[in-house]
Structures are given as structure tokens and as C-alpha cells.
Amino acid sequence: MIAADCYRRGITPTYVAGFRAFLQLNRCVRKGEKAIRILAPMSVAEQARPGAGTDESPEESRRRVFFRTVPVFDVAMTDPLPGVEPVPLAPPAQPIEGDSHAEMIAPLVALARELGYTVETRRLPEAGPGGWCDPKQREIVIADGPANRRLRTLVHELGHALGIGYEHYGRRRAEVLVDCASYIVCGSVGLDVGGETIPYVAGWSEDGALDAIREYAETIDTIARRIEDALNAASTTPTEHELADAA
């Protein structure tokens, strides 16, 4: 939604946050700037059914996630607060062409196997796709190349393997959902894929497929969290060297 809104305005988003968040960064949104509208998750407790027992504690009560529209702004819409030094905004991020995230490929291959898929790396034509997910053959193919690019492609194809397929969602909608989830996952591990994802999603929005982001925001979040969980679990598992040192 950020990508499409900024695309229509001719803005290239770089750092997006809420009004109060920018104040904490010693910046203030300029008067008259039009907010970008996004969907933010909100967890609420379900109301007890009439006649239901009261033995259930608040901690055990079921909660549901809803999404509400909230305003955010790009840093280009702000100015530094007078008399204070703005907080640096650039997060640590590695380029898509590097090999800094090579160790994250193995846990994602393990996730693919858990889902019943094989993963194969091939030398593919530069003009063709960087990879694909074949639900009938139960295989994921990714193009050979820098580890960071292979990781980015594997995350994307895992989104399809986790249920975002063409048959149910249609090609346009499925690609928008999966690439939004990929952007979330890669950003969470410090991999900069904005240069690819933002124009990609914005391009799909021209055909109306951006409505999928609004309609399936919770699906995007669920897919991203599932892949992030696989990466987080791997990062907390001791390596053989660590186990040997502990012994």
C-alpha cells in the first residue's frame, strides 16, 4: 500500500513511520503533508458468549487480530526539529548481490522439505525467471547466483509453497501477496530488496491487483511470520562448534 500510494504521487519511499514515531526521532511532519494510509494489526479479546462459564482467565481468553487504517509518513515529508540532532534513520542492510546472508538458506531449505518440497539450484537464463515453485512436482527451483539473491528468491517461492498459489488466488494477486511477504521477511533480517519489491508491487497495482494487499493483509502477515519463525529457530539452535565448546 505504501509502494502504490507513493508511486501515484511520484515519491520514492525510504523511511516510513507514524507522526509520534518521527517526533521520537527528532523530526516533525510538515504542516499540510498528506498521510499515507496503511493497515495495522490490532489484537482484541473476543467477547464471552452469553451463558458461557467464567472459569477462563484473561490470559487464556481467545484473541483475534483485526486491521485498522492508520496514517504514516515518509521521511521526505518531515523536517528536523530545531535545536536537536535528528536520529540516524538508515538501518543496517546488505545489498541483494552479496553473500552476507548465505547461512540463512539452509533453514529455509529445511522448511521447504517440511512442506514436502525439494529445492534445486540451477543455472537459468538471465532473461527468464529467477525461480519458480511447482506445486504438482513439489519442487522449488532457484537460479544460481549470489547467496543473497538466492535467499530472496527462495523466500518468495516459499510463499507460494505455503499456500499462495495461482489456482486459488490468480497469478496477479498471488504474486502481490507473496512479494509483500518476501519484503517483510527480507527486511526483518537486514536484506535490502526494496529496489526490486517496490516497483514490482507498484507495477501490479496498475491492473488493480493492489486490492489484494488490503483484502489479504492477515494472510501476508501469516506467511511472513511462518518463514521468519524458521529463520529465528535456526538462529537459536547451537551449532556443532558451539556444542563442542560447551562440552
Protein backbone atom coordinates (compact mmCIF):
# COMPACT_ATOMS: atom_id res chain seq x y z
CA MET A 1 0.00 0.00 0.00
CA ILE A 2 2.92 2.33 0.75
CA ALA A 3 4.51 1.46 -2.58
CA ALA A 4 1.36 2.11 -4.59
CA ASP A 5 0.43 5.35 -2.81
CA CYS A 6 3.93 6.77 -3.23
CA TYR A 7 4.09 5.56 -6.83
CA ARG A 8 0.94 7.54 -7.66
CA ARG A 9 2.42 10.66 -6.02
CA GLY A 10 5.84 10.29 -7.63
CA ILE A 11 7.53 9.71 -4.26
CA THR A 12 10.24 7.13 -3.61
CA PRO A 13 9.66 5.93 -0.02
CA THR A 14 12.80 5.44 2.05
CA TYR A 15 11.77 5.53 5.73
CA VAL A 16 8.12 5.42 6.77
CA ALA A 17 6.78 5.93 10.32
CA GLY A 18 3.93 7.46 12.28
CA PHE A 19 3.71 11.08 13.44
CA ARG A 20 4.74 10.33 17.05
CA ALA A 21 7.50 7.96 15.94
CA PHE A 22 9.11 10.78 13.93
CA LEU A 23 8.95 13.07 16.96
CA GLN A 24 10.98 10.47 18.87
CA LEU A 25 13.49 10.60 16.00
CA ASN A 26 13.73 14.40 16.42
CA ARG A 27 11.77 15.06 13.25
CA CYS A 28 8.31 16.54 12.67
CA VAL A 29 5.87 16.07 9.80
CA ARG A 30 5.49 19.27 7.81
CA LYS A 31 2.13 21.02 8.01
CA GLY A 32 -0.13 20.15 5.10
CA GLU A 33 1.52 16.82 4.21
CA LYS A 34 -0.99 14.15 3.18
CA ALA A 35 -0.61 10.90 5.12
CA ILE A 36 -0.04 7.51 3.56
CA ARG A 37 -2.72 5.07 4.73
CA ILE A 38 -1.70 1.55 5.71
CA LEU A 39 -3.34 -1.37 7.55
CA ALA A 40 -2.01 -2.05 11.05
CA PRO A 41 -2.80 -5.17 13.13
CA MET A 42 -4.79 -4.76 16.34
CA SER A 43 -5.28 -7.64 18.78
CA VAL A 44 -8.54 -7.69 20.73
CA ALA A 45 -10.07 -10.19 23.12
CA GLU A 46 -13.19 -11.99 21.97
CA GLN A 47 -16.32 -11.25 23.98
CA ALA A 48 -17.61 -14.14 26.06
CA ARG A 49 -20.70 -15.83 24.67
CA PRO A 50 -23.92 -15.39 26.67
CA GLY A 51 -24.22 -18.20 29.20
CA ALA A 52 -20.55 -19.17 28.90
CA GLY A 53 -18.66 -20.06 32.07
CA THR A 54 -16.38 -17.59 33.81
CA ASP A 55 -13.59 -20.02 34.73
CA GLU A 56 -11.40 -18.86 31.87
CA SER A 57 -8.72 -16.41 32.98
CA PRO A 58 -7.92 -13.24 30.97
CA GLU A 59 -4.61 -14.78 29.90
CA GLU A 60 -6.42 -17.81 28.48
CA SER A 61 -9.16 -15.89 26.67
CA ARG A 62 -9.08 -16.07 22.88
CA ARG A 63 -7.86 -13.07 20.97
CA ARG A 64 -8.43 -12.09 17.37
CA VAL A 65 -6.41 -9.86 15.09
CA PHE A 66 -8.15 -7.11 13.17
CA PHE A 67 -6.64 -4.50 10.87
CA ARG A 68 -7.37 -0.78 11.03
CA THR A 69 -6.30 2.08 8.79
CA VAL A 70 -3.56 4.25 10.28
CA PRO A 71 -1.66 7.27 8.89
CA VAL A 72 2.09 7.16 8.29
CA PHE A 73 4.54 9.49 6.55
CA ASP A 74 7.78 9.20 4.63
CA VAL A 75 10.84 10.97 5.97
CA ALA A 76 10.72 13.22 2.89
CA MET A 77 7.55 14.71 4.42
CA THR A 78 9.36 15.73 7.62
CA ASP A 79 11.85 18.36 8.82
CA PRO A 80 14.37 18.14 11.67
CA LEU A 81 13.18 19.63 14.95
CA PRO A 82 15.01 22.89 15.68
CA GLY A 83 17.84 22.76 18.20
CA VAL A 84 18.29 18.96 18.22
CA GLU A 85 20.23 16.47 16.11
CA PRO A 86 17.98 14.09 14.10
CA VAL A 87 18.42 10.40 14.90
CA PRO A 88 20.12 8.48 12.04
CA LEU A 89 17.47 6.60 10.08
CA ALA A 90 19.43 4.23 7.88
CA PRO A 91 19.02 0.65 9.22
CA PRO A 92 21.79 -1.90 8.70
CA ALA A 93 21.09 -3.59 5.38
CA GLN A 94 23.08 -5.71 2.96
CA PRO A 95 22.81 -5.48 -0.84
CA ILE A 96 20.91 -8.12 -2.79
CA GLU A 97 24.08 -9.04 -4.75
CA GLY A 98 26.22 -10.03 -1.75
CA ASP A 99 26.72 -13.26 0.20
CA SER A 100 26.23 -11.89 3.71
CA HIS A 101 23.10 -13.99 4.38
CA ALA A 102 24.29 -17.32 2.97
CA GLU A 103 23.77 -19.14 6.28
CA MET A 104 20.03 -18.44 6.14
CA ILE A 105 19.46 -20.57 3.06
CA ALA A 106 19.79 -23.93 4.86
CA PRO A 107 16.93 -23.38 7.36
CA LEU A 108 14.65 -22.29 4.52
CA VAL A 109 15.56 -25.40 2.54
CA ALA A 110 14.64 -27.36 5.67
CA LEU A 111 11.29 -25.54 5.80
CA ALA A 112 10.66 -26.46 2.16
CA ARG A 113 11.35 -30.12 2.95
CA GLU A 114 8.98 -29.91 5.91
CA LEU A 115 6.32 -28.72 3.46
CA GLY A 116 7.10 -31.67 1.16
CA TYR A 117 9.14 -29.74 -1.43
CA THR A 118 12.61 -30.29 -2.83
CA VAL A 119 14.85 -27.30 -3.54
CA GLU A 120 17.19 -27.24 -6.53
CA THR A 121 19.60 -24.53 -7.64
CA ARG A 122 20.10 -24.30 -11.41
CA ARG A 123 21.84 -22.04 -13.89
CA LEU A 124 18.90 -20.24 -15.51
CA PRO A 125 18.82 -17.77 -18.43
CA GLU A 126 19.25 -14.16 -17.28
CA ALA A 127 16.21 -13.08 -19.30
CA GLY A 128 13.97 -15.67 -17.66
CA PRO A 129 12.50 -16.04 -14.17
CA GLY A 130 14.78 -16.20 -11.13
CA GLY A 131 12.99 -19.30 -9.93
CA TRP A 132 9.64 -20.99 -9.54
CA CYS A 133 7.53 -23.19 -7.29
CA ASP A 134 5.86 -26.21 -8.90
CA PRO A 135 3.07 -27.46 -6.60
CA LYS A 136 2.39 -30.54 -8.76
CA GLN A 137 6.00 -31.74 -8.85
CA ARG A 138 6.51 -30.46 -5.27
CA GLU A 139 9.73 -28.71 -6.19
CA ILE A 140 11.23 -25.23 -5.86
CA VAL A 141 13.86 -24.14 -8.37
CA ILE A 142 16.04 -21.06 -7.84
CA ALA A 143 18.63 -19.51 -10.12
CA ASP A 144 22.31 -19.85 -9.29
CA GLY A 145 23.98 -16.62 -8.20
CA PRO A 146 24.91 -14.58 -5.12
CA ALA A 147 23.62 -16.07 -1.87
CA ASN A 148 21.54 -13.01 -1.01
CA ARG A 149 19.69 -13.18 -4.30
CA ARG A 150 19.11 -16.92 -3.91
CA LEU A 151 17.76 -16.28 -0.41
CA ARG A 152 15.39 -13.60 -1.67
CA THR A 153 14.08 -15.93 -4.41
CA LEU A 154 13.73 -18.85 -2.00
CA VAL A 155 11.69 -16.71 0.41
CA HIS A 156 9.41 -15.70 -2.47
CA GLU A 157 8.87 -19.25 -3.68
CA LEU A 158 8.26 -20.48 -0.13
CA GLY A 159 5.36 -18.06 0.00
CA HIS A 160 3.81 -19.98 -2.89
CA ALA A 161 4.62 -23.31 -1.22
CA LEU A 162 2.84 -22.11 1.92
CA GLY A 163 -0.41 -21.82 0.00
CA ILE A 164 -0.35 -18.62 -2.08
CA GLY A 165 -0.88 -20.36 -5.42
CA TYR A 166 -2.16 -19.22 -8.80
CA GLU A 167 -5.06 -21.68 -8.82
CA HIS A 168 -6.74 -20.19 -5.76
CA TYR A 169 -5.64 -16.54 -5.87
CA GLY A 170 -4.90 -15.94 -9.55
CA ARG A 171 -1.44 -15.01 -10.86
CA ARG A 172 -1.56 -11.24 -10.27
CA ARG A 173 -2.95 -11.48 -6.76
CA ALA A 174 -0.67 -14.35 -5.73
CA GLU A 175 2.46 -12.51 -6.88
CA VAL A 176 1.49 -9.35 -4.99
CA LEU A 177 0.81 -11.27 -1.78
CA VAL A 178 4.00 -13.32 -1.98
CA ASP A 179 6.26 -10.39 -2.79
CA CYS A 180 4.82 -8.34 0.07
CA ALA A 181 5.57 -11.23 2.43
CA SER A 182 9.07 -11.53 0.93
CA TYR A 183 9.70 -7.83 1.53
CA ILE A 184 8.72 -8.22 5.19
CA VAL A 185 10.91 -11.28 5.75
CA CYS A 186 13.98 -9.92 3.97
CA GLY A 187 13.67 -6.57 5.73
CA SER A 188 13.48 -8.30 9.12
CA VAL A 189 16.90 -9.88 8.55
CA GLY A 190 18.50 -6.73 7.15
CA LEU A 191 18.43 -7.61 3.47
CA ASP A 192 17.63 -4.66 1.20
CA VAL A 193 15.18 -5.76 -1.50
CA GLY A 194 13.22 -2.51 -1.73
CA GLY A 195 14.74 -1.64 -5.09
CA GLU A 196 13.05 -4.71 -6.58
CA THR A 197 9.91 -5.12 -4.50
CA ILE A 198 8.57 -1.55 -4.52
CA PRO A 199 8.42 -1.08 -8.32
CA TYR A 200 7.32 -4.71 -8.71
CA VAL A 201 4.29 -4.36 -6.43
CA ALA A 202 3.53 -0.88 -7.75
CA GLY A 203 3.55 -2.28 -11.29
CA TRP A 204 1.00 -4.95 -10.41
CA SER A 205 -1.19 -2.26 -8.79
CA GLU A 206 -1.81 -0.69 -12.18
CA ASP A 207 -4.02 -3.67 -13.02
CA GLY A 208 -5.98 -3.40 -9.78
CA ALA A 209 -4.20 -6.28 -8.06
CA LEU A 210 -3.18 -4.00 -5.19
CA ASP A 211 -6.63 -4.56 -3.69
CA ALA A 212 -5.25 -7.96 -2.67
CA ILE A 213 -2.95 -6.28 -0.16
CA ARG A 214 -5.88 -4.68 1.62
CA GLU A 215 -8.05 -7.77 1.44
CA TYR A 216 -5.40 -10.28 2.49
CA ALA A 217 -3.25 -8.30 4.92
CA GLU A 218 -3.54 -11.03 7.56
CA THR A 219 -2.55 -13.70 5.02
CA ILE A 220 0.60 -11.73 4.15
CA ASP A 221 1.45 -11.41 7.83
CA THR A 222 0.87 -15.12 8.50
CA ILE A 223 3.09 -16.23 5.60
CA ALA A 224 5.86 -13.81 6.61
CA ARG A 225 5.77 -14.95 10.24
CA ARG A 226 5.95 -18.62 9.25
CA ILE A 227 9.14 -18.03 7.26
CA GLU A 228 10.59 -15.75 9.94
CA ASP A 229 9.92 -18.44 12.56
CA ALA A 230 12.03 -20.90 10.55
CA LEU A 231 14.90 -18.40 10.43
CA ASN A 232 14.58 -17.49 14.11
CA ALA A 233 14.53 -21.14 15.18
CA ALA A 234 17.74 -21.75 13.24
CA SER A 235 19.46 -18.73 14.79
CA THR A 236 18.76 -20.01 18.32
CA THR A 237 19.91 -23.59 17.64
CA PRO A 238 23.52 -24.19 18.79
CA THR A 239 25.98 -25.11 16.07
CA GLU A 240 28.25 -28.17 16.28
CA HIS A 241 31.18 -25.92 17.18
CA GLU A 242 29.19 -24.23 19.95
CA LEU A 243 28.14 -27.59 21.37
CA ALA A 244 31.74 -28.79 21.31
CA ASP A 245 32.93 -25.65 23.11
CA ALA A 246 30.21 -26.05 25.74
CA ALA A 247 31.24 -29.68 26.32
